[in-house]
Amino acid sequence: MQIRLATRTLRLRQPLRTAHGTTTERHSVEIAISDQGLVGHGEAAPLPGFGLESFDDALHSLQEWANDHHKFPTSPAARSAALAALDDLADAKTNKVKPPASVLVQALVGATDLEGMKEEIQAAVRHGYKGIKLKVGSTDPETDYRRICEAIELTHASTTLRLDANGGWSAEEAMSVLRPIESRFVDLIEEPTSNPSDWQKIADTTGLLLAADENLVNEKQVEGLLMNAAVGALILKPSILGGASGTRSIAELAAENKLRVIISSFLDGPIALRAARDLAIELAPKEIHGLGTAGLFVERFPKDVTPDQGYLHRS
């Protein structure tokens, strides 16, 4: 078995500002594992603010593994990428062909000014998206409230609206922004604060469905969140959760606890995005997933991971 690594930089068309900071580009390590004339692919791209290893740490870990196959990566992004590559190689060896299928994906809206946000939402609706996720929590609460109200006006007739604060609000800020919002206009709010102990009060005060994202880095954290009655959905990122097998395990726990599962990109490149698409089709085919990110990049992505009228298609 031979392991080859290549680094890649993907540039965002516009800086994406969240509570974790501003992202302008993504650095990834692409993995190709060759055996018996067949190849499996994986991708590691740690993102600052998610408590993962740095890009350099992931690269070093994967380089060690490439040089010594007994040194399997242990850090989340590198390990998930390695497992994804091995899974892909196993599918190639068994000549496993996945049937054609499609899954709905949401558009990500990050503009912090009202006019820019309005333009992004209108463009997403024109392009057929049935779901929009609005980033909040990176400006002041009053601006966030105005942005959410405007987003509701633009989406309530035909498009599902979700909010993502990335843990950027305090509990008081979250409740001040969300309390006046009618819950029927917002599908869910991701990570309203960084502390899940705040979430029950926020859910009770606002009536909104809360979703966990940054607090889902491993199964131990998942088990803790399952005890939190405020959590109604889990946002699963296969590229940091151990690839397909780790994501399936957490999805099974979610199903046992009657929680929704939404598969999400980690602002990934095409390799990880393709693997996440397949898991979305498998685990939650009727959901709208957070995989509509190809258009955020300057580089052109392959057709099968580029949204078409709000869908990703596997042919």
C-alpha atoms as a PDB file:
ATOM      1  CA  MET A   1       0.000   0.000   0.000  1.00  0.00           C
ATOM      2  CA  GLN A   2       1.321   3.444  -0.922  1.00  0.00           C
ATOM      3  CA  ILE A   3       0.144   6.709   0.640  1.00  0.00           C
ATOM      4  CA  ARG A   4       0.623   9.936  -1.300  1.00  0.00           C
ATOM      5  CA  LEU A   5      -0.135  13.410   0.056  1.00  0.00           C
ATOM      6  CA  ALA A   6      -0.716  16.725  -1.683  1.00  0.00           C
ATOM      7  CA  THR A   7      -1.468  20.115  -0.151  1.00  0.00           C
ATOM      8  CA  ARG A   8      -4.029  22.449  -1.670  1.00  0.00           C
ATOM      9  CA  THR A   9      -5.312  25.969  -1.029  1.00  0.00           C
ATOM     10  CA  LEU A  10      -8.889  26.971  -1.893  1.00  0.00           C
ATOM     11  CA  ARG A  11      -9.802  30.659  -1.919  1.00  0.00           C
ATOM     12  CA  LEU A  12     -13.166  32.009  -0.805  1.00  0.00           C
ATOM     13  CA  ARG A  13     -14.856  34.484  -3.142  1.00  0.00           C
ATOM     14  CA  GLN A  14     -15.721  36.690  -0.165  1.00  0.00           C
ATOM     15  CA  PRO A  15     -14.316  36.599   3.373  1.00  0.00           C
ATOM     16  CA  LEU A  16     -16.613  34.591   5.642  1.00  0.00           C
ATOM     17  CA  ARG A  17     -17.001  36.239   9.027  1.00  0.00           C
ATOM     18  CA  THR A  18     -18.226  34.167  11.979  1.00  0.00           C
ATOM     19  CA  ALA A  19     -17.910  34.333  15.750  1.00  0.00           C
ATOM     20  CA  HIS A  20     -14.662  32.365  15.361  1.00  0.00           C
ATOM     21  CA  GLY A  21     -13.084  34.990  13.099  1.00  0.00           C
ATOM     22  CA  THR A  22     -12.794  35.656   9.385  1.00  0.00           C
ATOM     23  CA  THR A  23     -11.909  32.949   6.868  1.00  0.00           C
ATOM     24  CA  THR A  24     -10.514  33.862   3.449  1.00  0.00           C
ATOM     25  CA  GLU A  25      -9.028  30.543   2.304  1.00  0.00           C
ATOM     26  CA  ARG A  26      -8.891  26.868   3.209  1.00  0.00           C
ATOM     27  CA  HIS A  27      -5.762  24.750   3.384  1.00  0.00           C
ATOM     28  CA  SER A  28      -6.158  21.010   2.938  1.00  0.00           C
ATOM     29  CA  VAL A  29      -4.138  17.821   2.682  1.00  0.00           C
ATOM     30  CA  GLU A  30      -5.420  15.455  -0.002  1.00  0.00           C
ATOM     31  CA  ILE A  31      -4.692  11.762   0.511  1.00  0.00           C
ATOM     32  CA  ALA A  32      -4.424   9.082  -2.184  1.00  0.00           C
ATOM     33  CA  ILE A  33      -3.947   5.490  -0.998  1.00  0.00           C
ATOM     34  CA  SER A  34      -2.947   3.049  -3.746  1.00  0.00           C
ATOM     35  CA  ASP A  35      -3.182  -0.731  -3.490  1.00  0.00           C
ATOM     36  CA  GLN A  36      -3.512  -3.423  -6.157  1.00  0.00           C
ATOM     37  CA  GLY A  37      -3.925  -0.774  -8.833  1.00  0.00           C
ATOM     38  CA  LEU A  38      -6.838   0.882  -7.029  1.00  0.00           C
ATOM     39  CA  VAL A  39      -6.958   4.252  -5.243  1.00  0.00           C
ATOM     40  CA  GLY A  40      -8.884   5.658  -2.280  1.00  0.00           C
ATOM     41  CA  HIS A  41      -9.116   9.380  -1.553  1.00  0.00           C
ATOM     42  CA  GLY A  42      -9.467  11.466   1.610  1.00  0.00           C
ATOM     43  CA  GLU A  43      -9.031  15.096   2.659  1.00  0.00           C
ATOM     44  CA  ALA A  44      -8.011  16.839   5.888  1.00  0.00           C
ATOM     45  CA  ALA A  45      -8.662  20.551   6.420  1.00  0.00           C
ATOM     46  CA  PRO A  46      -8.726  21.649  10.081  1.00  0.00           C
ATOM     47  CA  LEU A  47     -10.648  24.876  10.651  1.00  0.00           C
ATOM     48  CA  PRO A  48      -9.669  27.343  13.397  1.00  0.00           C
ATOM     49  CA  GLY A  49     -12.246  27.673  16.177  1.00  0.00           C
ATOM     50  CA  PHE A  50     -13.353  24.055  16.292  1.00  0.00           C
ATOM     51  CA  GLY A  51     -10.830  22.843  18.855  1.00  0.00           C
ATOM     52  CA  LEU A  52      -9.000  20.665  16.324  1.00  0.00           C
ATOM     53  CA  GLU A  53      -5.363  20.278  15.416  1.00  0.00           C
ATOM     54  CA  SER A  54      -3.716  22.946  13.291  1.00  0.00           C
ATOM     55  CA  PHE A  55      -3.163  22.412   9.573  1.00  0.00           C
ATOM     56  CA  ASP A  56       0.558  21.880  10.184  1.00  0.00           C
ATOM     57  CA  ASP A  57      -0.185  19.311  12.885  1.00  0.00           C
ATOM     58  CA  ALA A  58      -2.540  17.428  10.560  1.00  0.00           C
ATOM     59  CA  LEU A  59      -0.005  17.490   7.751  1.00  0.00           C
ATOM     60  CA  HIS A  60       2.780  16.253  10.043  1.00  0.00           C
ATOM     61  CA  SER A  61       0.587  13.437  11.382  1.00  0.00           C
ATOM     62  CA  LEU A  62      -0.338  12.305   7.879  1.00  0.00           C
ATOM     63  CA  GLN A  63       3.285  12.498   6.732  1.00  0.00           C
ATOM     64  CA  GLU A  64       4.300  10.230   9.611  1.00  0.00           C
ATOM     65  CA  TRP A  65       1.605   7.753   8.593  1.00  0.00           C
ATOM     66  CA  ALA A  66       2.681   7.880   4.952  1.00  0.00           C
ATOM     67  CA  ASN A  67       6.231   7.001   6.035  1.00  0.00           C
ATOM     68  CA  ASP A  68       5.219   4.394   8.616  1.00  0.00           C
ATOM     69  CA  HIS A  69       1.815   2.748   8.185  1.00  0.00           C
ATOM     70  CA  HIS A  70       1.794   1.710  11.858  1.00  0.00           C
ATOM     71  CA  LYS A  71       1.608   5.392  12.916  1.00  0.00           C
ATOM     72  CA  PHE A  72      -2.067   5.928  12.184  1.00  0.00           C
ATOM     73  CA  PRO A  73      -3.191   9.547  12.794  1.00  0.00           C
ATOM     74  CA  THR A  74      -5.005  10.200  16.066  1.00  0.00           C
ATOM     75  CA  SER A  75      -5.998  13.886  15.767  1.00  0.00           C
ATOM     76  CA  PRO A  76      -9.590  14.435  14.515  1.00  0.00           C
ATOM     77  CA  ALA A  77      -9.171  15.927  11.027  1.00  0.00           C
ATOM     78  CA  ALA A  78      -6.167  13.813  10.032  1.00  0.00           C
ATOM     79  CA  ARG A  79      -7.709  10.615  11.406  1.00  0.00           C
ATOM     80  CA  SER A  80     -11.059  11.260   9.691  1.00  0.00           C
ATOM     81  CA  ALA A  81      -9.332  11.902   6.367  1.00  0.00           C
ATOM     82  CA  ALA A  82      -7.259   8.724   6.659  1.00  0.00           C
ATOM     83  CA  LEU A  83     -10.329   6.642   7.507  1.00  0.00           C
ATOM     84  CA  ALA A  84     -12.249   8.192   4.603  1.00  0.00           C
ATOM     85  CA  ALA A  85      -9.433   7.295   2.207  1.00  0.00           C
ATOM     86  CA  LEU A  86      -9.367   3.706   3.490  1.00  0.00           C
ATOM     87  CA  ASP A  87     -13.156   3.438   3.150  1.00  0.00           C
ATOM     88  CA  ASP A  88     -12.939   4.741  -0.407  1.00  0.00           C
ATOM     89  CA  LEU A  89     -10.223   2.207  -1.222  1.00  0.00           C
ATOM     90  CA  ALA A  90     -12.310  -0.618   0.275  1.00  0.00           C
ATOM     91  CA  ASP A  91     -15.270   0.411  -1.917  1.00  0.00           C
ATOM     92  CA  ALA A  92     -12.992   0.375  -4.967  1.00  0.00           C
ATOM     93  CA  LYS A  93     -11.742  -3.113  -4.110  1.00  0.00           C
ATOM     94  CA  THR A  94     -15.276  -4.491  -3.854  1.00  0.00           C
ATOM     95  CA  ASN A  95     -16.345  -2.591  -6.968  1.00  0.00           C
ATOM     96  CA  LYS A  96     -19.104  -0.992  -4.915  1.00  0.00           C
ATOM     97  CA  VAL A  97     -21.175   1.335  -7.088  1.00  0.00           C
ATOM     98  CA  LYS A  98     -23.524   3.743  -5.348  1.00  0.00           C
ATOM     99  CA  PRO A  99     -26.845   4.240  -7.176  1.00  0.00           C
ATOM    100  CA  PRO A 100     -27.883   7.642  -8.570  1.00  0.00           C
ATOM    101  CA  ALA A 101     -29.489   9.864  -5.950  1.00  0.00           C
ATOM    102  CA  SER A 102     -29.972  13.502  -4.976  1.00  0.00           C
ATOM    103  CA  VAL A 103     -30.103  15.430  -1.734  1.00  0.00           C
ATOM    104  CA  LEU A 104     -31.205  18.953  -0.850  1.00  0.00           C
ATOM    105  CA  VAL A 105     -28.547  21.384   0.387  1.00  0.00           C
ATOM    106  CA  GLN A 106     -28.729  24.846   1.891  1.00  0.00           C
ATOM    107  CA  ALA A 107     -27.046  28.062   0.836  1.00  0.00           C
ATOM    108  CA  LEU A 108     -24.705  29.678   3.344  1.00  0.00           C
ATOM    109  CA  VAL A 109     -25.220  33.424   3.810  1.00  0.00           C
ATOM    110  CA  GLY A 110     -22.493  35.247   5.683  1.00  0.00           C
ATOM    111  CA  ALA A 111     -22.760  38.927   4.683  1.00  0.00           C
ATOM    112  CA  THR A 112     -22.981  41.018   7.841  1.00  0.00           C
ATOM    113  CA  ASP A 113     -24.476  44.149   6.256  1.00  0.00           C
ATOM    114  CA  LEU A 114     -28.179  44.239   5.410  1.00  0.00           C
ATOM    115  CA  GLU A 115     -27.797  44.972   1.711  1.00  0.00           C
ATOM    116  CA  GLY A 116     -25.130  42.345   1.190  1.00  0.00           C
ATOM    117  CA  MET A 117     -27.186  39.775   3.090  1.00  0.00           C
ATOM    118  CA  LYS A 118     -30.292  40.640   1.097  1.00  0.00           C
ATOM    119  CA  GLU A 119     -28.421  40.180  -2.189  1.00  0.00           C
ATOM    120  CA  GLU A 120     -27.048  36.789  -1.100  1.00  0.00           C
ATOM    121  CA  ILE A 121     -30.462  35.509  -0.002  1.00  0.00           C
ATOM    122  CA  GLN A 122     -32.201  36.708  -3.160  1.00  0.00           C
ATOM    123  CA  ALA A 123     -29.510  35.062  -5.296  1.00  0.00           C
ATOM    124  CA  ALA A 124     -29.917  31.788  -3.384  1.00  0.00           C
ATOM    125  CA  VAL A 125     -33.682  31.820  -3.856  1.00  0.00           C
ATOM    126  CA  ARG A 126     -33.263  32.538  -7.590  1.00  0.00           C
ATOM    127  CA  HIS A 127     -30.907  29.559  -7.854  1.00  0.00           C
ATOM    128  CA  GLY A 128     -33.505  27.229  -6.406  1.00  0.00           C
ATOM    129  CA  TYR A 129     -32.250  26.686  -2.869  1.00  0.00           C
ATOM    130  CA  LYS A 130     -34.954  25.412  -0.508  1.00  0.00           C
ATOM    131  CA  GLY A 131     -32.883  26.185   2.577  1.00  0.00           C
ATOM    132  CA  ILE A 132     -30.686  29.074   3.728  1.00  0.00           C
ATOM    133  CA  LYS A 133     -28.370  29.214   6.725  1.00  0.00           C
ATOM    134  CA  LEU A 134     -27.676  32.728   7.999  1.00  0.00           C
ATOM    135  CA  LYS A 135     -24.526  33.332  10.025  1.00  0.00           C
ATOM    136  CA  VAL A 136     -25.194  35.427  13.124  1.00  0.00           C
ATOM    137  CA  GLY A 137     -23.266  36.209  16.287  1.00  0.00           C
ATOM    138  CA  SER A 138     -20.373  38.081  14.689  1.00  0.00           C
ATOM    139  CA  THR A 139     -21.938  41.557  14.862  1.00  0.00           C
ATOM    140  CA  ASP A 140     -23.809  43.382  17.634  1.00  0.00           C
ATOM    141  CA  PRO A 141     -27.171  41.914  18.756  1.00  0.00           C
ATOM    142  CA  GLU A 142     -29.216  44.805  17.358  1.00  0.00           C
ATOM    143  CA  THR A 143     -27.728  44.310  13.888  1.00  0.00           C
ATOM    144  CA  ASP A 144     -28.289  40.560  14.141  1.00  0.00           C
ATOM    145  CA  TYR A 145     -31.941  41.122  15.014  1.00  0.00           C
ATOM    146  CA  ARG A 146     -32.461  43.396  12.002  1.00  0.00           C
ATOM    147  CA  ARG A 147     -30.693  40.903   9.735  1.00  0.00           C
ATOM    148  CA  ILE A 148     -32.864  38.021  10.959  1.00  0.00           C
ATOM    149  CA  CYS A 149     -36.073  40.022  10.482  1.00  0.00           C
ATOM    150  CA  GLU A 150     -35.049  40.930   6.941  1.00  0.00           C
ATOM    151  CA  ALA A 151     -34.083  37.321   6.222  1.00  0.00           C
ATOM    152  CA  ILE A 152     -37.508  36.146   7.400  1.00  0.00           C
ATOM    153  CA  GLU A 153     -39.199  38.597   5.054  1.00  0.00           C
ATOM    154  CA  LEU A 154     -37.177  37.205   2.142  1.00  0.00           C
ATOM    155  CA  THR A 155     -37.584  33.505   2.927  1.00  0.00           C
ATOM    156  CA  HIS A 156     -40.810  32.797   4.830  1.00  0.00           C
ATOM    157  CA  ALA A 157     -42.921  32.156   1.724  1.00  0.00           C
ATOM    158  CA  SER A 158     -40.849  29.383   0.163  1.00  0.00           C
ATOM    159  CA  THR A 159     -37.473  28.804   1.794  1.00  0.00           C
ATOM    160  CA  THR A 160     -36.392  27.221   5.078  1.00  0.00           C
ATOM    161  CA  LEU A 161     -34.358  29.628   7.228  1.00  0.00           C
ATOM    162  CA  ARG A 162     -31.758  28.434   9.710  1.00  0.00           C
ATOM    163  CA  LEU A 163     -29.491  30.500  11.961  1.00  0.00           C
ATOM    164  CA  ASP A 164     -25.948  29.733  13.088  1.00  0.00           C
ATOM    165  CA  ALA A 165     -24.368  31.769  15.884  1.00  0.00           C
ATOM    166  CA  ASN A 166     -21.218  29.612  16.188  1.00  0.00           C
ATOM    167  CA  GLY A 167     -21.436  30.140  19.951  1.00  0.00           C
ATOM    168  CA  GLY A 168     -20.888  33.857  19.490  1.00  0.00           C
ATOM    169  CA  TRP A 169     -23.667  35.163  21.744  1.00  0.00           C
ATOM    170  CA  SER A 170     -23.906  35.264  25.502  1.00  0.00           C
ATOM    171  CA  ALA A 171     -27.093  33.740  26.917  1.00  0.00           C
ATOM    172  CA  GLU A 172     -28.522  37.216  27.469  1.00  0.00           C
ATOM    173  CA  GLU A 173     -27.692  38.300  23.916  1.00  0.00           C
ATOM    174  CA  ALA A 174     -29.194  35.133  22.439  1.00  0.00           C
ATOM    175  CA  MET A 175     -32.459  35.634  24.275  1.00  0.00           C
ATOM    176  CA  SER A 176     -32.656  39.353  23.493  1.00  0.00           C
ATOM    177  CA  VAL A 177     -32.192  38.668  19.770  1.00  0.00           C
ATOM    178  CA  LEU A 178     -34.336  35.549  19.489  1.00  0.00           C
ATOM    179  CA  ARG A 179     -37.192  36.207  21.954  1.00  0.00           C
ATOM    180  CA  PRO A 180     -39.117  38.542  19.572  1.00  0.00           C
ATOM    181  CA  ILE A 181     -38.674  36.141  16.612  1.00  0.00           C
ATOM    182  CA  GLU A 182     -41.668  33.944  15.821  1.00  0.00           C
ATOM    183  CA  SER A 183     -40.377  30.381  15.991  1.00  0.00           C
ATOM    184  CA  ARG A 184     -42.478  29.284  13.004  1.00  0.00           C
ATOM    185  CA  PHE A 185     -40.233  31.354  10.735  1.00  0.00           C
ATOM    186  CA  VAL A 186     -36.934  29.764  11.833  1.00  0.00           C
ATOM    187  CA  ASP A 187     -36.226  26.054  11.419  1.00  0.00           C
ATOM    188  CA  LEU A 188     -33.411  25.944  14.004  1.00  0.00           C
ATOM    189  CA  ILE A 189     -30.571  27.853  15.607  1.00  0.00           C
ATOM    190  CA  GLU A 190     -27.098  26.300  15.787  1.00  0.00           C
ATOM    191  CA  GLU A 191     -24.881  26.869  18.830  1.00  0.00           C
ATOM    192  CA  PRO A 192     -26.554  30.014  20.214  1.00  0.00           C
ATOM    193  CA  THR A 193     -23.859  30.166  22.903  1.00  0.00           C
ATOM    194  CA  SER A 194     -20.628  28.249  23.437  1.00  0.00           C
ATOM    195  CA  ASN A 195     -21.942  26.739  26.685  1.00  0.00           C
ATOM    196  CA  PRO A 196     -24.661  24.060  26.268  1.00  0.00           C
ATOM    197  CA  SER A 197     -25.790  24.622  29.855  1.00  0.00           C
ATOM    198  CA  ASP A 198     -27.366  27.882  28.587  1.00  0.00           C
ATOM    199  CA  TRP A 199     -29.413  26.178  25.932  1.00  0.00           C
ATOM    200  CA  GLN A 200     -32.403  24.903  27.905  1.00  0.00           C
ATOM    201  CA  LYS A 201     -33.281  28.413  29.076  1.00  0.00           C
ATOM    202  CA  ILE A 202     -32.835  29.757  25.543  1.00  0.00           C
ATOM    203  CA  ALA A 203     -35.066  27.030  24.105  1.00  0.00           C
ATOM    204  CA  ASP A 204     -37.734  27.591  26.754  1.00  0.00           C
ATOM    205  CA  THR A 205     -37.632  31.371  26.269  1.00  0.00           C
ATOM    206  CA  THR A 206     -37.675  31.412  22.460  1.00  0.00           C
ATOM    207  CA  GLY A 207     -39.464  28.191  21.477  1.00  0.00           C
ATOM    208  CA  LEU A 208     -36.766  27.550  18.865  1.00  0.00           C
ATOM    209  CA  LEU A 209     -35.210  24.200  18.003  1.00  0.00           C
ATOM    210  CA  LEU A 210     -31.534  24.179  18.995  1.00  0.00           C
ATOM    211  CA  ALA A 211     -28.808  22.307  17.128  1.00  0.00           C
ATOM    212  CA  ALA A 212     -25.317  21.316  18.260  1.00  0.00           C
ATOM    213  CA  ASP A 213     -22.328  21.724  15.951  1.00  0.00           C
ATOM    214  CA  GLU A 214     -18.995  22.879  17.447  1.00  0.00           C
ATOM    215  CA  ASN A 215     -19.792  20.825  20.538  1.00  0.00           C
ATOM    216  CA  LEU A 216     -19.811  17.641  18.416  1.00  0.00           C
ATOM    217  CA  VAL A 217     -16.172  16.707  18.005  1.00  0.00           C
ATOM    218  CA  ASN A 218     -16.333  13.203  19.486  1.00  0.00           C
ATOM    219  CA  GLU A 219     -18.797  10.618  20.806  1.00  0.00           C
ATOM    220  CA  LYS A 220     -18.148  11.546  24.443  1.00  0.00           C
ATOM    221  CA  GLN A 221     -19.388  15.081  23.768  1.00  0.00           C
ATOM    222  CA  VAL A 222     -22.356  13.653  21.871  1.00  0.00           C
ATOM    223  CA  GLU A 223     -23.342  11.492  24.819  1.00  0.00           C
ATOM    224  CA  GLY A 224     -23.271  14.551  27.066  1.00  0.00           C
ATOM    225  CA  LEU A 225     -25.426  16.537  24.662  1.00  0.00           C
ATOM    226  CA  LEU A 226     -27.971  13.729  24.425  1.00  0.00           C
ATOM    227  CA  MET A 227     -28.744  14.442  28.077  1.00  0.00           C
ATOM    228  CA  ASN A 228     -29.509  18.059  27.153  1.00  0.00           C
ATOM    229  CA  ALA A 229     -33.233  18.201  26.449  1.00  0.00           C
ATOM    230  CA  ALA A 230     -32.837  21.494  24.588  1.00  0.00           C
ATOM    231  CA  VAL A 231     -30.959  19.858  21.693  1.00  0.00           C
ATOM    232  CA  GLY A 232     -33.237  18.833  18.833  1.00  0.00           C
ATOM    233  CA  ALA A 233     -30.736  18.328  16.015  1.00  0.00           C
ATOM    234  CA  LEU A 234     -27.115  17.326  15.504  1.00  0.00           C
ATOM    235  CA  ILE A 235     -24.998  18.935  12.781  1.00  0.00           C
ATOM    236  CA  LEU A 236     -22.514  16.225  11.803  1.00  0.00           C
ATOM    237  CA  LYS A 237     -19.269  16.961   9.972  1.00  0.00           C
ATOM    238  CA  PRO A 238     -17.827  13.648   8.713  1.00  0.00           C
ATOM    239  CA  SER A 239     -14.439  15.217   8.050  1.00  0.00           C
ATOM    240  CA  ILE A 240     -13.831  15.590  11.807  1.00  0.00           C
ATOM    241  CA  LEU A 241     -15.984  12.773  13.223  1.00  0.00           C
ATOM    242  CA  GLY A 242     -14.030   9.769  12.023  1.00  0.00           C
ATOM    243  CA  GLY A 243     -15.295   9.666   8.468  1.00  0.00           C
ATOM    244  CA  ALA A 244     -18.247   7.480   7.528  1.00  0.00           C
ATOM    245  CA  SER A 245     -18.079   5.017  10.424  1.00  0.00           C
ATOM    246  CA  GLY A 246     -17.830   7.693  13.119  1.00  0.00           C
ATOM    247  CA  THR A 247     -20.638   9.701  11.570  1.00  0.00           C
ATOM    248  CA  ARG A 248     -22.880   6.634  11.300  1.00  0.00           C
ATOM    249  CA  SER A 249     -22.330   5.830  14.978  1.00  0.00           C
ATOM    250  CA  ILE A 250     -23.382   9.303  16.063  1.00  0.00           C
ATOM    251  CA  ALA A 251     -26.339   9.278  13.661  1.00  0.00           C
ATOM    252  CA  GLU A 252     -27.523   6.026  15.259  1.00  0.00           C
ATOM    253  CA  LEU A 253     -27.386   7.648  18.703  1.00  0.00           C
ATOM    254  CA  ALA A 254     -29.343  10.603  17.333  1.00  0.00           C
ATOM    255  CA  ALA A 255     -32.030   8.314  15.877  1.00  0.00           C
ATOM    256  CA  GLU A 256     -32.352   6.462  19.198  1.00  0.00           C
ATOM    257  CA  ASN A 257     -32.956   9.806  20.894  1.00  0.00           C
ATOM    258  CA  LYS A 258     -35.282  11.116  18.162  1.00  0.00           C
ATOM    259  CA  LEU A 259     -32.932  13.911  17.111  1.00  0.00           C
ATOM    260  CA  ARG A 260     -32.640  15.229  13.585  1.00  0.00           C
ATOM    261  CA  VAL A 261     -29.375  14.659  11.732  1.00  0.00           C
ATOM    262  CA  ILE A 262     -27.963  17.201   9.289  1.00  0.00           C
ATOM    263  CA  ILE A 263     -24.716  16.442   7.469  1.00  0.00           C
ATOM    264  CA  SER A 264     -22.480  19.458   7.012  1.00  0.00           C
ATOM    265  CA  SER A 265     -19.396  20.520   5.130  1.00  0.00           C
ATOM    266  CA  PHE A 266     -16.389  21.853   7.015  1.00  0.00           C
ATOM    267  CA  LEU A 267     -15.823  24.326   4.197  1.00  0.00           C
ATOM    268  CA  ASP A 268     -14.297  21.261   2.577  1.00  0.00           C
ATOM    269  CA  GLY A 269     -12.825  20.664  -0.839  1.00  0.00           C
ATOM    270  CA  PRO A 270     -14.393  18.284  -3.369  1.00  0.00           C
ATOM    271  CA  ILE A 271     -13.092  15.023  -1.864  1.00  0.00           C
ATOM    272  CA  ALA A 272     -14.553  15.495   1.620  1.00  0.00           C
ATOM    273  CA  LEU A 273     -17.659  17.156   0.192  1.00  0.00           C
ATOM    274  CA  ARG A 274     -18.355  14.124  -1.991  1.00  0.00           C
ATOM    275  CA  ALA A 275     -18.040  11.746   0.960  1.00  0.00           C
ATOM    276  CA  ALA A 276     -20.349  13.946   3.050  1.00  0.00           C
ATOM    277  CA  ARG A 277     -22.917  14.025   0.237  1.00  0.00           C
ATOM    278  CA  ASP A 278     -23.026  10.229   0.156  1.00  0.00           C
ATOM    279  CA  LEU A 279     -23.573  10.071   3.920  1.00  0.00           C
ATOM    280  CA  ALA A 280     -26.366  12.654   3.683  1.00  0.00           C
ATOM    281  CA  ILE A 281     -28.104  10.497   1.078  1.00  0.00           C
ATOM    282  CA  GLU A 282     -27.658   7.426   3.261  1.00  0.00           C
ATOM    283  CA  LEU A 283     -28.504   8.792   6.704  1.00  0.00           C
ATOM    284  CA  ALA A 284     -31.045  11.586   6.199  1.00  0.00           C
ATOM    285  CA  PRO A 285     -32.288  11.693   2.593  1.00  0.00           C
ATOM    286  CA  LYS A 286     -35.236  13.991   3.391  1.00  0.00           C
ATOM    287  CA  GLU A 287     -33.260  16.672   5.233  1.00  0.00           C
ATOM    288  CA  ILE A 288     -31.732  19.854   3.831  1.00  0.00           C
ATOM    289  CA  HIS A 289     -28.008  19.491   4.447  1.00  0.00           C
ATOM    290  CA  GLY A 290     -25.166  21.949   4.942  1.00  0.00           C
ATOM    291  CA  LEU A 291     -23.335  20.907   1.796  1.00  0.00           C
ATOM    292  CA  GLY A 292     -24.031  23.789  -0.580  1.00  0.00           C
ATOM    293  CA  THR A 293     -20.612  25.380  -0.143  1.00  0.00           C
ATOM    294  CA  ALA A 294     -18.918  24.809  -3.525  1.00  0.00           C
ATOM    295  CA  GLY A 295     -20.030  28.198  -4.826  1.00  0.00           C
ATOM    296  CA  LEU A 296     -18.258  29.994  -1.985  1.00  0.00           C
ATOM    297  CA  PHE A 297     -14.899  29.239  -3.581  1.00  0.00           C
ATOM    298  CA  VAL A 298     -13.058  30.871  -6.461  1.00  0.00           C
ATOM    299  CA  GLU A 299     -11.994  27.454  -7.743  1.00  0.00           C
ATOM    300  CA  ARG A 300     -14.544  25.522  -9.789  1.00  0.00           C
ATOM    301  CA  PHE A 301     -15.685  22.299  -8.105  1.00  0.00           C
ATOM    302  CA  PRO A 302     -16.754  19.136  -9.963  1.00  0.00           C
ATOM    303  CA  LYS A 303     -20.364  19.051 -11.104  1.00  0.00           C
ATOM    304  CA  ASP A 304     -21.434  16.320  -8.680  1.00  0.00           C
ATOM    305  CA  VAL A 305     -20.576  18.469  -5.632  1.00  0.00           C
ATOM    306  CA  THR A 306     -21.793  21.774  -7.085  1.00  0.00           C
ATOM    307  CA  PRO A 307     -25.424  22.600  -6.210  1.00  0.00           C
ATOM    308  CA  ASP A 308     -27.969  22.446  -9.023  1.00  0.00           C
ATOM    309  CA  GLN A 309     -31.300  24.090  -8.136  1.00  0.00           C
ATOM    310  CA  GLY A 310     -30.552  23.456  -4.477  1.00  0.00           C
ATOM    311  CA  TYR A 311     -29.574  19.796  -4.910  1.00  0.00           C
ATOM    312  CA  LEU A 312     -26.390  17.765  -5.034  1.00  0.00           C
ATOM    313  CA  HIS A 313     -26.735  14.924  -7.522  1.00  0.00           C
ATOM    314  CA  ARG A 314     -24.897  11.606  -7.473  1.00  0.00           C
ATOM    315  CA  SER A 315     -25.039  10.047 -10.921  1.00  0.00           C
END
